Amino acid sequence: MKHVSANDRTPAPVNAEGAVDVSKARLITEEEGSPTVAMRLFEVGPGGNTPYHAHDWEHVVYVLEGKGRLTSESGEAEFSAGDALLTSPDEEHNFTNTGETRLRFLCVVPLRGDA
């Protein structure tokens, strides 16, 4: 068993091209002994967004705080705290904070997607 507190993980800025006011804390990864998936905590400032991108793995997302919009090839979906989201492999997508406060969400991906 492994126990991790998000309070003990300092979010690092996401410096990918197209990212605006985004940080990420790695909560559970291979380093903690996870054999297949990584769980990360993302924070996006008001008006910020993740880059519009695609990759060959899915994102499983649970929104903890705030509200936003998921934009993908399939269209747009508004979301808020308590919502769960899935982006499919190879689907271009991004997350935008549409609220007045920070957006916080958990994102679970295969270990190969934890860059």
PDB file of N, CA and C in Angstrom:
ATOM      1  N   MET A   1       0.838  -1.182   0.000  1.00  0.00           N
ATOM      2  CA  MET A   1       0.000   0.000   0.000  1.00  0.00           C
ATOM      3  C   MET A   1       0.880   1.241   0.000  1.00  0.00           C
ATOM      4  N   LYS A   2       0.382   2.276  -0.632  1.00  0.00           N
ATOM      5  CA  LYS A   2       1.090   3.546  -0.658  1.00  0.00           C
ATOM      6  C   LYS A   2       0.095   4.649  -0.338  1.00  0.00           C
ATOM      7  N   HIS A   3       0.473   5.575   0.532  1.00  0.00           N
ATOM      8  CA  HIS A   3      -0.371   6.710   0.898  1.00  0.00           C
ATOM      9  C   HIS A   3       0.369   7.987   0.552  1.00  0.00           C
ATOM     10  N   VAL A   4      -0.285   8.856  -0.219  1.00  0.00           N
ATOM     11  CA  VAL A   4       0.327  10.115  -0.651  1.00  0.00           C
ATOM     12  C   VAL A   4      -0.644  11.243  -0.354  1.00  0.00           C
ATOM     13  N   SER A   5      -0.147  12.341   0.178  1.00  0.00           N
ATOM     14  CA  SER A   5      -0.967  13.537   0.375  1.00  0.00           C
ATOM     15  C   SER A   5      -0.641  14.552  -0.719  1.00  0.00           C
ATOM     16  N   ALA A   6      -1.671  15.048  -1.382  1.00  0.00           N
ATOM     17  CA  ALA A   6      -1.467  16.079  -2.400  1.00  0.00           C
ATOM     18  C   ALA A   6      -0.800  17.311  -1.787  1.00  0.00           C
ATOM     19  N   ASN A   7      -1.013  17.526  -0.493  1.00  0.00           N
ATOM     20  CA  ASN A   7      -0.402  18.678   0.180  1.00  0.00           C
ATOM     21  C   ASN A   7       1.116  18.569   0.238  1.00  0.00           C
ATOM     22  N   ASP A   8       1.642  17.358   0.074  1.00  0.00           N
ATOM     23  CA  ASP A   8       3.088  17.146   0.110  1.00  0.00           C
ATOM     24  C   ASP A   8       3.729  17.229  -1.276  1.00  0.00           C
ATOM     25  N   ARG A   9       2.936  17.431  -2.306  1.00  0.00           N
ATOM     26  CA  ARG A   9       3.438  17.483  -3.680  1.00  0.00           C
ATOM     27  C   ARG A   9       3.290  18.908  -4.208  1.00  0.00           C
ATOM     28  N   THR A  10       4.392  19.512  -4.581  1.00  0.00           N
ATOM     29  CA  THR A  10       4.375  20.869  -5.108  1.00  0.00           C
ATOM     30  C   THR A  10       4.089  20.818  -6.597  1.00  0.00           C
ATOM     31  N   PRO A  11       3.030  21.483  -7.049  1.00  0.00           N
ATOM     32  CA  PRO A  11       2.750  21.506  -8.491  1.00  0.00           C
ATOM     33  C   PRO A  11       3.872  22.227  -9.243  1.00  0.00           C
ATOM     34  N   ALA A  12       4.236  21.681 -10.396  1.00  0.00           N
ATOM     35  CA  ALA A  12       5.251  22.287 -11.255  1.00  0.00           C
ATOM     36  C   ALA A  12       4.563  22.908 -12.461  1.00  0.00           C
ATOM     37  N   PRO A  13       5.050  24.051 -12.923  1.00  0.00           N
ATOM     38  CA  PRO A  13       4.446  24.664 -14.113  1.00  0.00           C
ATOM     39  C   PRO A  13       4.522  23.728 -15.313  1.00  0.00           C
ATOM     40  N   VAL A  14       3.467  23.725 -16.114  1.00  0.00           N
ATOM     41  CA  VAL A  14       3.461  22.989 -17.374  1.00  0.00           C
ATOM     42  C   VAL A  14       3.945  23.961 -18.441  1.00  0.00           C
ATOM     43  N   ASN A  15       5.097  23.660 -19.019  1.00  0.00           N
ATOM     44  CA  ASN A  15       5.720  24.579 -19.974  1.00  0.00           C
ATOM     45  C   ASN A  15       5.522  24.166 -21.424  1.00  0.00           C
ATOM     46  N   ALA A  16       4.580  23.276 -21.687  1.00  0.00           N
ATOM     47  CA  ALA A  16       4.319  22.836 -23.054  1.00  0.00           C
ATOM     48  C   ALA A  16       3.772  24.001 -23.880  1.00  0.00           C
ATOM     49  N   GLU A  17       4.107  24.004 -25.159  1.00  0.00           N
ATOM     50  CA  GLU A  17       3.609  25.050 -26.052  1.00  0.00           C
ATOM     51  C   GLU A  17       2.086  25.055 -26.042  1.00  0.00           C
ATOM     52  N   GLY A  18       1.495  26.225 -25.825  1.00  0.00           N
ATOM     53  CA  GLY A  18       0.049  26.367 -25.787  1.00  0.00           C
ATOM     54  C   GLY A  18      -0.546  26.313 -24.391  1.00  0.00           C
ATOM     55  N   ALA A  19       0.234  25.921 -23.393  1.00  0.00           N
ATOM     56  CA  ALA A  19      -0.259  25.890 -22.013  1.00  0.00           C
ATOM     57  C   ALA A  19      -0.248  27.300 -21.438  1.00  0.00           C
ATOM     58  N   VAL A  20      -1.348  27.682 -20.781  1.00  0.00           N
ATOM     59  CA  VAL A  20      -1.460  29.001 -20.163  1.00  0.00           C
ATOM     60  C   VAL A  20      -1.883  28.819 -18.711  1.00  0.00           C
ATOM     61  N   ASP A  21      -1.007  29.187 -17.775  1.00  0.00           N
ATOM     62  CA  ASP A  21      -1.287  29.153 -16.339  1.00  0.00           C
ATOM     63  C   ASP A  21      -1.742  27.767 -15.873  1.00  0.00           C
ATOM     64  N   VAL A  22      -0.924  26.755 -16.183  1.00  0.00           N
ATOM     65  CA  VAL A  22      -1.224  25.364 -15.824  1.00  0.00           C
ATOM     66  C   VAL A  22      -0.071  24.810 -14.981  1.00  0.00           C
ATOM     67  N   SER A  23      -0.422  24.094 -13.918  1.00  0.00           N
ATOM     68  CA  SER A  23       0.584  23.387 -13.144  1.00  0.00           C
ATOM     69  C   SER A  23       0.104  21.961 -12.902  1.00  0.00           C
ATOM     70  N   LYS A  24       1.078  21.088 -12.595  1.00  0.00           N
ATOM     71  CA  LYS A  24       0.785  19.658 -12.428  1.00  0.00           C
ATOM     72  C   LYS A  24       1.604  19.106 -11.271  1.00  0.00           C
ATOM     73  N   ALA A  25       0.931  18.337 -10.407  1.00  0.00           N
ATOM     74  CA  ALA A  25       1.613  17.590  -9.352  1.00  0.00           C
ATOM     75  C   ALA A  25       1.406  16.108  -9.622  1.00  0.00           C
ATOM     76  N   ARG A  26       2.476  15.355  -9.636  1.00  0.00           N
ATOM     77  CA  ARG A  26       2.403  13.905  -9.842  1.00  0.00           C
ATOM     78  C   ARG A  26       2.129  13.254  -8.489  1.00  0.00           C
ATOM     79  N   LEU A  27       0.959  12.617  -8.351  1.00  0.00           N
ATOM     80  CA  LEU A  27       0.558  12.028  -7.076  1.00  0.00           C
ATOM     81  C   LEU A  27       0.952  10.561  -6.962  1.00  0.00           C
ATOM     82  N   ILE A  28       0.503   9.752  -7.895  1.00  0.00           N
ATOM     83  CA  ILE A  28       0.833   8.323  -7.919  1.00  0.00           C
ATOM     84  C   ILE A  28       1.442   8.010  -9.282  1.00  0.00           C
ATOM     85  N   THR A  29       2.643   7.450  -9.269  1.00  0.00           N
ATOM     86  CA  THR A  29       3.353   7.127 -10.506  1.00  0.00           C
ATOM     87  C   THR A  29       4.096   5.812 -10.303  1.00  0.00           C
ATOM     88  N   GLU A  30       4.905   5.484 -11.247  1.00  0.00           N
ATOM     89  CA  GLU A  30       5.755   4.305 -11.144  1.00  0.00           C
ATOM     90  C   GLU A  30       6.662   4.388  -9.911  1.00  0.00           C
ATOM     91  N   GLU A  31       7.075   5.623  -9.569  1.00  0.00           N
ATOM     92  CA  GLU A  31       7.940   5.818  -8.404  1.00  0.00           C
ATOM     93  C   GLU A  31       7.281   5.364  -7.102  1.00  0.00           C
ATOM     94  N   GLU A  32       5.959   5.441  -7.033  1.00  0.00           N
ATOM     95  CA  GLU A  32       5.227   4.979  -5.857  1.00  0.00           C
ATOM     96  C   GLU A  32       4.840   3.512  -5.965  1.00  0.00           C
ATOM     97  N   GLY A  33       5.202   2.872  -7.064  1.00  0.00           N
ATOM     98  CA  GLY A  33       4.941   1.455  -7.230  1.00  0.00           C
ATOM     99  C   GLY A  33       3.748   1.117  -8.105  1.00  0.00           C
ATOM    100  N   SER A  34       3.136   2.114  -8.748  1.00  0.00           N
ATOM    101  CA  SER A  34       2.006   1.817  -9.629  1.00  0.00           C
ATOM    102  C   SER A  34       2.511   1.097 -10.877  1.00  0.00           C
ATOM    103  N   PRO A  35       1.967  -0.059 -11.196  1.00  0.00           N
ATOM    104  CA  PRO A  35       2.474  -0.819 -12.333  1.00  0.00           C
ATOM    105  C   PRO A  35       1.915  -0.388 -13.685  1.00  0.00           C
ATOM    106  N   THR A  36       0.780   0.337 -13.720  1.00  0.00           N
ATOM    107  CA  THR A  36       0.158   0.618 -15.022  1.00  0.00           C
ATOM    108  C   THR A  36      -0.314   2.050 -15.232  1.00  0.00           C
ATOM    109  N   VAL A  37      -0.688   2.771 -14.163  1.00  0.00           N
ATOM    110  CA  VAL A  37      -1.265   4.102 -14.350  1.00  0.00           C
ATOM    111  C   VAL A  37      -0.584   5.150 -13.487  1.00  0.00           C
ATOM    112  N   ALA A  38      -0.773   6.398 -13.899  1.00  0.00           N
ATOM    113  CA  ALA A  38      -0.303   7.551 -13.129  1.00  0.00           C
ATOM    114  C   ALA A  38      -1.495   8.454 -12.842  1.00  0.00           C
ATOM    115  N   MET A  39      -1.532   9.000 -11.632  1.00  0.00           N
ATOM    116  CA  MET A  39      -2.544   9.980 -11.253  1.00  0.00           C
ATOM    117  C   MET A  39      -1.848  11.306 -11.018  1.00  0.00           C
ATOM    118  N   ARG A  40      -2.356  12.337 -11.700  1.00  0.00           N
ATOM    119  CA  ARG A  40      -1.773  13.659 -11.571  1.00  0.00           C
ATOM    120  C   ARG A  40      -2.856  14.656 -11.164  1.00  0.00           C
ATOM    121  N   LEU A  41      -2.462  15.709 -10.447  1.00  0.00           N
ATOM    122  CA  LEU A  41      -3.361  16.782 -10.057  1.00  0.00           C
ATOM    123  C   LEU A  41      -2.989  18.013 -10.878  1.00  0.00           C
ATOM    124  N   PHE A  42      -3.929  18.477 -11.689  1.00  0.00           N
ATOM    125  CA  PHE A  42      -3.720  19.678 -12.492  1.00  0.00           C
ATOM    126  C   PHE A  42      -4.433  20.856 -11.859  1.00  0.00           C
ATOM    127  N   GLU A  43      -3.817  22.024 -11.951  1.00  0.00           N
ATOM    128  CA  GLU A  43      -4.427  23.281 -11.541  1.00  0.00           C
ATOM    129  C   GLU A  43      -4.287  24.253 -12.704  1.00  0.00           C
ATOM    130  N   VAL A  44      -5.412  24.910 -13.041  1.00  0.00           N
ATOM    131  CA  VAL A  44      -5.437  25.857 -14.149  1.00  0.00           C
ATOM    132  C   VAL A  44      -6.021  27.159 -13.615  1.00  0.00           C
ATOM    133  N   GLY A  45      -5.288  28.256 -13.790  1.00  0.00           N
ATOM    134  CA  GLY A  45      -5.756  29.548 -13.315  1.00  0.00           C
ATOM    135  C   GLY A  45      -6.912  30.070 -14.154  1.00  0.00           C
ATOM    136  N   PRO A  46      -7.666  31.051 -13.627  1.00  0.00           N
ATOM    137  CA  PRO A  46      -8.771  31.634 -14.385  1.00  0.00           C
ATOM    138  C   PRO A  46      -8.300  32.110 -15.766  1.00  0.00           C
ATOM    139  N   GLY A  47      -9.013  31.689 -16.798  1.00  0.00           N
ATOM    140  CA  GLY A  47      -8.650  32.049 -18.171  1.00  0.00           C
ATOM    141  C   GLY A  47      -7.548  31.199 -18.764  1.00  0.00           C
ATOM    142  N   GLY A  48      -6.968  30.310 -17.967  1.00  0.00           N
ATOM    143  CA  GLY A  48      -5.883  29.461 -18.448  1.00  0.00           C
ATOM    144  C   GLY A  48      -6.394  28.236 -19.188  1.00  0.00           C
ATOM    145  N   ASN A  49      -5.459  27.520 -19.811  1.00  0.00           N
ATOM    146  CA  ASN A  49      -5.830  26.310 -20.554  1.00  0.00           C
ATOM    147  C   ASN A  49      -4.640  25.391 -20.739  1.00  0.00           C
ATOM    148  N   THR A  50      -4.956  24.112 -20.904  1.00  0.00           N
ATOM    149  CA  THR A  50      -3.945  23.139 -21.288  1.00  0.00           C
ATOM    150  C   THR A  50      -3.749  23.254 -22.800  1.00  0.00           C
ATOM    151  N   PRO A  51      -2.648  22.749 -23.338  1.00  0.00           N
ATOM    152  CA  PRO A  51      -2.449  22.812 -24.791  1.00  0.00           C
ATOM    153  C   PRO A  51      -3.470  21.947 -25.529  1.00  0.00           C
ATOM    154  N   TYR A  52      -3.780  22.332 -26.747  1.00  0.00           N
ATOM    155  CA  TYR A  52      -4.628  21.506 -27.608  1.00  0.00           C
ATOM    156  C   TYR A  52      -3.700  20.451 -28.195  1.00  0.00           C
ATOM    157  N   HIS A  53      -3.952  19.184 -27.888  1.00  0.00           N
ATOM    158  CA  HIS A  53      -3.013  18.129 -28.255  1.00  0.00           C
ATOM    159  C   HIS A  53      -3.732  16.791 -28.373  1.00  0.00           C
ATOM    160  N   ALA A  54      -3.009  15.794 -28.853  1.00  0.00           N
ATOM    161  CA  ALA A  54      -3.519  14.427 -28.953  1.00  0.00           C
ATOM    162  C   ALA A  54      -2.380  13.463 -28.622  1.00  0.00           C
ATOM    163  N   HIS A  55      -2.745  12.260 -28.210  1.00  0.00           N
ATOM    164  CA  HIS A  55      -1.790  11.199 -27.929  1.00  0.00           C
ATOM    165  C   HIS A  55      -2.528   9.874 -27.998  1.00  0.00           C
ATOM    166  N   ASP A  56      -1.802   8.783 -27.944  1.00  0.00           N
ATOM    167  CA  ASP A  56      -2.441   7.480 -28.177  1.00  0.00           C
ATOM    168  C   ASP A  56      -2.964   6.813 -26.912  1.00  0.00           C
ATOM    169  N   TRP A  57      -3.239   7.585 -25.870  1.00  0.00           N
ATOM    170  CA  TRP A  57      -3.844   7.050 -24.653  1.00  0.00           C
ATOM    171  C   TRP A  57      -5.015   7.935 -24.230  1.00  0.00           C
ATOM    172  N   GLU A  58      -5.873   7.363 -23.403  1.00  0.00           N
ATOM    173  CA  GLU A  58      -7.027   8.098 -22.902  1.00  0.00           C
ATOM    174  C   GLU A  58      -6.645   8.936 -21.688  1.00  0.00           C
ATOM    175  N   HIS A  59      -7.462   9.968 -21.414  1.00  0.00           N
ATOM    176  CA  HIS A  59      -7.422  10.711 -20.151  1.00  0.00           C
ATOM    177  C   HIS A  59      -8.697  10.358 -19.398  1.00  0.00           C
ATOM    178  N   VAL A  60      -8.576   9.977 -18.150  1.00  0.00           N
ATOM    179  CA  VAL A  60      -9.727   9.818 -17.263  1.00  0.00           C
ATOM    180  C   VAL A  60      -9.599  10.937 -16.234  1.00  0.00           C
ATOM    181  N   VAL A  61     -10.591  11.830 -16.197  1.00  0.00           N
ATOM    182  CA  VAL A  61     -10.496  13.062 -15.417  1.00  0.00           C
ATOM    183  C   VAL A  61     -11.647  13.139 -14.419  1.00  0.00           C
ATOM    184  N   TYR A  62     -11.329  13.598 -13.200  1.00  0.00           N
ATOM    185  CA  TYR A  62     -12.352  13.914 -12.204  1.00  0.00           C
ATOM    186  C   TYR A  62     -12.105  15.339 -11.726  1.00  0.00           C
ATOM    187  N   VAL A  63     -13.135  16.172 -11.826  1.00  0.00           N
ATOM    188  CA  VAL A  63     -13.016  17.589 -11.497  1.00  0.00           C
ATOM    189  C   VAL A  63     -13.267  17.794 -10.006  1.00  0.00           C
ATOM    190  N   LEU A  64     -12.283  18.354  -9.320  1.00  0.00           N
ATOM    191  CA  LEU A  64     -12.360  18.594  -7.882  1.00  0.00           C
ATOM    192  C   LEU A  64     -12.930  19.961  -7.544  1.00  0.00           C
ATOM    193  N   GLU A  65     -12.569  20.954  -8.352  1.00  0.00           N
ATOM    194  CA  GLU A  65     -12.883  22.339  -7.992  1.00  0.00           C
ATOM    195  C   GLU A  65     -12.923  23.186  -9.252  1.00  0.00           C
ATOM    196  N   GLY A  66     -13.861  24.128  -9.314  1.00  0.00           N
ATOM    197  CA  GLY A  66     -13.933  25.066 -10.417  1.00  0.00           C
ATOM    198  C   GLY A  66     -14.845  24.593 -11.532  1.00  0.00           C
ATOM    199  N   LYS A  67     -14.747  25.304 -12.651  1.00  0.00           N
ATOM    200  CA  LYS A  67     -15.526  24.932 -13.830  1.00  0.00           C
ATOM    201  C   LYS A  67     -14.708  25.212 -15.074  1.00  0.00           C
ATOM    202  N   GLY A  68     -15.087  24.542 -16.157  1.00  0.00           N
ATOM    203  CA  GLY A  68     -14.308  24.696 -17.368  1.00  0.00           C
ATOM    204  C   GLY A  68     -15.017  24.142 -18.578  1.00  0.00           C
ATOM    205  N   ARG A  69     -14.225  24.045 -19.639  1.00  0.00           N
ATOM    206  CA  ARG A  69     -14.733  23.529 -20.917  1.00  0.00           C
ATOM    207  C   ARG A  69     -13.695  22.572 -21.491  1.00  0.00           C
ATOM    208  N   LEU A  70     -14.161  21.404 -21.893  1.00  0.00           N
ATOM    209  CA  LEU A  70     -13.342  20.448 -22.617  1.00  0.00           C
ATOM    210  C   LEU A  70     -13.650  20.637 -24.089  1.00  0.00           C
ATOM    211  N   THR A  71     -12.638  20.962 -24.864  1.00  0.00           N
ATOM    212  CA  THR A  71     -12.783  21.114 -26.313  1.00  0.00           C
ATOM    213  C   THR A  71     -12.060  19.957 -26.966  1.00  0.00           C
ATOM    214  N   SER A  72     -12.760  19.289 -27.886  1.00  0.00           N
ATOM    215  CA  SER A  72     -12.143  18.172 -28.599  1.00  0.00           C
ATOM    216  C   SER A  72     -12.667  18.134 -30.022  1.00  0.00           C
ATOM    217  N   GLU A  73     -12.151  17.185 -30.768  1.00  0.00           N
ATOM    218  CA  GLU A  73     -12.637  16.978 -32.134  1.00  0.00           C
ATOM    219  C   GLU A  73     -14.137  16.698 -32.144  1.00  0.00           C
ATOM    220  N   SER A  74     -14.656  16.164 -31.040  1.00  0.00           N
ATOM    221  CA  SER A  74     -16.074  15.800 -30.943  1.00  0.00           C
ATOM    222  C   SER A  74     -16.971  16.982 -30.606  1.00  0.00           C
ATOM    223  N   GLY A  75     -16.372  18.114 -30.204  1.00  0.00           N
ATOM    224  CA  GLY A  75     -17.155  19.288 -29.823  1.00  0.00           C
ATOM    225  C   GLY A  75     -16.685  19.843 -28.501  1.00  0.00           C
ATOM    226  N   GLU A  76     -17.601  20.522 -27.798  1.00  0.00           N
ATOM    227  CA  GLU A  76     -17.275  21.146 -26.527  1.00  0.00           C
ATOM    228  C   GLU A  76     -18.214  20.634 -25.445  1.00  0.00           C
ATOM    229  N   ALA A  77     -17.697  20.516 -24.223  1.00  0.00           N
ATOM    230  CA  ALA A  77     -18.507  20.106 -23.080  1.00  0.00           C
ATOM    231  C   ALA A  77     -18.133  20.976 -21.896  1.00  0.00           C
ATOM    232  N   GLU A  78     -19.133  21.637 -21.311  1.00  0.00           N
ATOM    233  CA  GLU A  78     -18.925  22.409 -20.088  1.00  0.00           C
ATOM    234  C   GLU A  78     -18.917  21.432 -18.916  1.00  0.00           C
ATOM    235  N   PHE A  79     -18.082  21.689 -17.906  1.00  0.00           N
ATOM    236  CA  PHE A  79     -18.020  20.808 -16.751  1.00  0.00           C
ATOM    237  C   PHE A  79     -17.765  21.623 -15.495  1.00  0.00           C
ATOM    238  N   SER A  80     -18.008  20.988 -14.343  1.00  0.00           N
ATOM    239  CA  SER A  80     -17.758  21.633 -13.057  1.00  0.00           C
ATOM    240  C   SER A  80     -17.415  20.570 -12.017  1.00  0.00           C
ATOM    241  N   ALA A  81     -17.121  21.026 -10.808  1.00  0.00           N
ATOM    242  CA  ALA A  81     -16.727  20.121  -9.726  1.00  0.00           C
ATOM    243  C   ALA A  81     -17.724  18.977  -9.588  1.00  0.00           C
ATOM    244  N   GLY A  82     -17.194  17.776  -9.458  1.00  0.00           N
ATOM    245  CA  GLY A  82     -18.013  16.579  -9.324  1.00  0.00           C
ATOM    246  C   GLY A  82     -18.217  15.832 -10.624  1.00  0.00           C
ATOM    247  N   ASP A  83     -17.805  16.414 -11.751  1.00  0.00           N
ATOM    248  CA  ASP A  83     -17.966  15.767 -13.051  1.00  0.00           C
ATOM    249  C   ASP A  83     -16.764  14.885 -13.374  1.00  0.00           C
ATOM    250  N   ALA A  84     -17.015  13.831 -14.142  1.00  0.00           N
ATOM    251  CA  ALA A  84     -15.965  12.950 -14.655  1.00  0.00           C
ATOM    252  C   ALA A  84     -15.962  13.063 -16.173  1.00  0.00           C
ATOM    253  N   LEU A  85     -14.780  13.036 -16.769  1.00  0.00           N
ATOM    254  CA  LEU A  85     -14.616  13.210 -18.209  1.00  0.00           C
ATOM    255  C   LEU A  85     -13.677  12.156 -18.760  1.00  0.00           C
ATOM    256  N   LEU A  86     -13.871  11.812 -20.021  1.00  0.00           N
ATOM    257  CA  LEU A  86     -12.996  10.873 -20.712  1.00  0.00           C
ATOM    258  C   LEU A  86     -12.658  11.446 -22.077  1.00  0.00           C
ATOM    259  N   THR A  87     -11.363  11.513 -22.392  1.00  0.00           N
ATOM    260  CA  THR A  87     -10.953  11.788 -23.767  1.00  0.00           C
ATOM    261  C   THR A  87     -10.389  10.491 -24.318  1.00  0.00           C
ATOM    262  N   SER A  88     -10.734  10.195 -25.546  1.00  0.00           N
ATOM    263  CA  SER A  88     -10.327   8.940 -26.177  1.00  0.00           C
ATOM    264  C   SER A  88      -8.916   9.029 -26.737  1.00  0.00           C
ATOM    265  N   PRO A  89      -8.268   7.904 -26.916  1.00  0.00           N
ATOM    266  CA  PRO A  89      -6.951   7.910 -27.554  1.00  0.00           C
ATOM    267  C   PRO A  89      -7.021   8.587 -28.928  1.00  0.00           C
ATOM    268  N   ASP A  90      -5.991   9.345 -29.255  1.00  0.00           N
ATOM    269  CA  ASP A  90      -5.817  10.034 -30.534  1.00  0.00           C
ATOM    270  C   ASP A  90      -6.820  11.161 -30.776  1.00  0.00           C
ATOM    271  N   GLU A  91      -7.622  11.534 -29.780  1.00  0.00           N
ATOM    272  CA  GLU A  91      -8.582  12.625 -29.915  1.00  0.00           C
ATOM    273  C   GLU A  91      -7.924  13.935 -29.478  1.00  0.00           C
ATOM    274  N   GLU A  92      -7.816  14.908 -30.390  1.00  0.00           N
ATOM    275  CA  GLU A  92      -7.276  16.211 -30.016  1.00  0.00           C
ATOM    276  C   GLU A  92      -8.202  16.846 -28.989  1.00  0.00           C
ATOM    277  N   HIS A  93      -7.605  17.494 -27.962  1.00  0.00           N
ATOM    278  CA  HIS A  93      -8.403  18.044 -26.877  1.00  0.00           C
ATOM    279  C   HIS A  93      -7.616  19.056 -26.063  1.00  0.00           C
ATOM    280  N   ASN A  94      -8.345  19.869 -25.297  1.00  0.00           N
ATOM    281  CA  ASN A  94      -7.745  20.695 -24.254  1.00  0.00           C
ATOM    282  C   ASN A  94      -8.796  21.052 -23.218  1.00  0.00           C
ATOM    283  N   PHE A  95      -8.320  21.498 -22.064  1.00  0.00           N
ATOM    284  CA  PHE A  95      -9.170  21.901 -20.949  1.00  0.00           C
ATOM    285  C   PHE A  95      -8.946  23.392 -20.709  1.00  0.00           C
ATOM    286  N   THR A  96     -10.032  24.155 -20.605  1.00  0.00           N
ATOM    287  CA  THR A  96      -9.963  25.596 -20.377  1.00  0.00           C
ATOM    288  C   THR A  96     -10.725  25.938 -19.106  1.00  0.00           C
ATOM    289  N   ASN A  97     -10.118  26.769 -18.259  1.00  0.00           N
ATOM    290  CA  ASN A  97     -10.799  27.250 -17.069  1.00  0.00           C
ATOM    291  C   ASN A  97     -11.708  28.403 -17.486  1.00  0.00           C
ATOM    292  N   THR A  98     -13.018  28.231 -17.335  1.00  0.00           N
ATOM    293  CA  THR A  98     -13.991  29.269 -17.696  1.00  0.00           C
ATOM    294  C   THR A  98     -14.534  29.986 -16.469  1.00  0.00           C
ATOM    295  N   GLY A  99     -14.011  29.658 -15.297  1.00  0.00           N
ATOM    296  CA  GLY A  99     -14.514  30.244 -14.058  1.00  0.00           C
ATOM    297  C   GLY A  99     -13.662  31.388 -13.545  1.00  0.00           C
ATOM    298  N   GLU A 100     -14.062  31.892 -12.395  1.00  0.00           N
ATOM    299  CA  GLU A 100     -13.381  33.016 -11.738  1.00  0.00           C
ATOM    300  C   GLU A 100     -12.321  32.541 -10.744  1.00  0.00           C
ATOM    301  N   THR A 101     -12.337  31.244 -10.418  1.00  0.00           N
ATOM    302  CA  THR A 101     -11.391  30.683  -9.458  1.00  0.00           C
ATOM    303  C   THR A 101     -10.585  29.588 -10.149  1.00  0.00           C
ATOM    304  N   ARG A 102      -9.615  29.038  -9.455  1.00  0.00           N
ATOM    305  CA  ARG A 102      -8.782  28.011 -10.063  1.00  0.00           C
ATOM    306  C   ARG A 102      -9.602  26.750 -10.358  1.00  0.00           C
ATOM    307  N   LEU A 103      -9.188  26.066 -11.388  1.00  0.00           N
ATOM    308  CA  LEU A 103      -9.742  24.779 -11.788  1.00  0.00           C
ATOM    309  C   LEU A 103      -8.763  23.711 -11.330  1.00  0.00           C
ATOM    310  N   ARG A 104      -9.257  22.702 -10.608  1.00  0.00           N
ATOM    311  CA  ARG A 104      -8.413  21.606 -10.143  1.00  0.00           C
ATOM    312  C   ARG A 104      -9.052  20.300 -10.569  1.00  0.00           C
ATOM    313  N   PHE A 105      -8.251  19.423 -11.190  1.00  0.00           N
ATOM    314  CA  PHE A 105      -8.777  18.116 -11.579  1.00  0.00           C
ATOM    315  C   PHE A 105      -7.705  17.048 -11.490  1.00  0.00           C
ATOM    316  N   LEU A 106      -8.170  15.835 -11.198  1.00  0.00           N
ATOM    317  CA  LEU A 106      -7.311  14.655 -11.227  1.00  0.00           C
ATOM    318  C   LEU A 106      -7.356  14.074 -12.619  1.00  0.00           C
ATOM    319  N   CYS A 107      -6.225  13.619 -13.099  1.00  0.00           N
ATOM    320  CA  CYS A 107      -6.125  13.016 -14.428  1.00  0.00           C
ATOM    321  C   CYS A 107      -5.346  11.720 -14.293  1.00  0.00           C
ATOM    322  N   VAL A 108      -5.960  10.626 -14.736  1.00  0.00           N
ATOM    323  CA  VAL A 108      -5.330   9.309 -14.689  1.00  0.00           C
ATOM    324  C   VAL A 108      -5.011   8.876 -16.122  1.00  0.00           C
ATOM    325  N   VAL A 109      -3.764   8.490 -16.337  1.00  0.00           N
ATOM    326  CA  VAL A 109      -3.294   8.053 -17.659  1.00  0.00           C
ATOM    327  C   VAL A 109      -2.402   6.818 -17.491  1.00  0.00           C
ATOM    328  N   PRO A 110      -2.156   6.099 -18.581  1.00  0.00           N
ATOM    329  CA  PRO A 110      -1.157   5.020 -18.502  1.00  0.00           C
ATOM    330  C   PRO A 110       0.218   5.620 -18.153  1.00  0.00           C
ATOM    331  N   LEU A 111       1.071   4.828 -17.559  1.00  0.00           N
ATOM    332  CA  LEU A 111       2.394   5.330 -17.166  1.00  0.00           C
ATOM    333  C   LEU A 111       3.139   5.974 -18.336  1.00  0.00           C
ATOM    334  N   ARG A 112       2.985   5.444 -19.543  1.00  0.00           N
ATOM    335  CA  ARG A 112       3.702   6.017 -20.690  1.00  0.00           C
ATOM    336  C   ARG A 112       3.237   7.432 -20.997  1.00  0.00           C
ATOM    337  N   GLY A 113       2.061   7.832 -20.501  1.00  0.00           N
ATOM    338  CA  GLY A 113       1.543   9.180 -20.722  1.00  0.00           C
ATOM    339  C   GLY A 113       1.914  10.173 -19.648  1.00  0.00           C
ATOM    340  N   ASP A 114       2.678   9.744 -18.673  1.00  0.00           N
ATOM    341  CA  ASP A 114       3.053  10.618 -17.564  1.00  0.00           C
ATOM    342  C   ASP A 114       4.386  11.281 -17.844  1.00  0.00           C
ATOM    343  N   ALA A 115       4.334  12.309 -18.644  1.00  0.00           N
ATOM    344  CA  ALA A 115       5.568  13.036 -18.985  1.00  0.00           C
ATOM    345  C   ALA A 115       5.691  14.308 -18.189  1.00  0.00           C
TER     346      ALA A 115
END
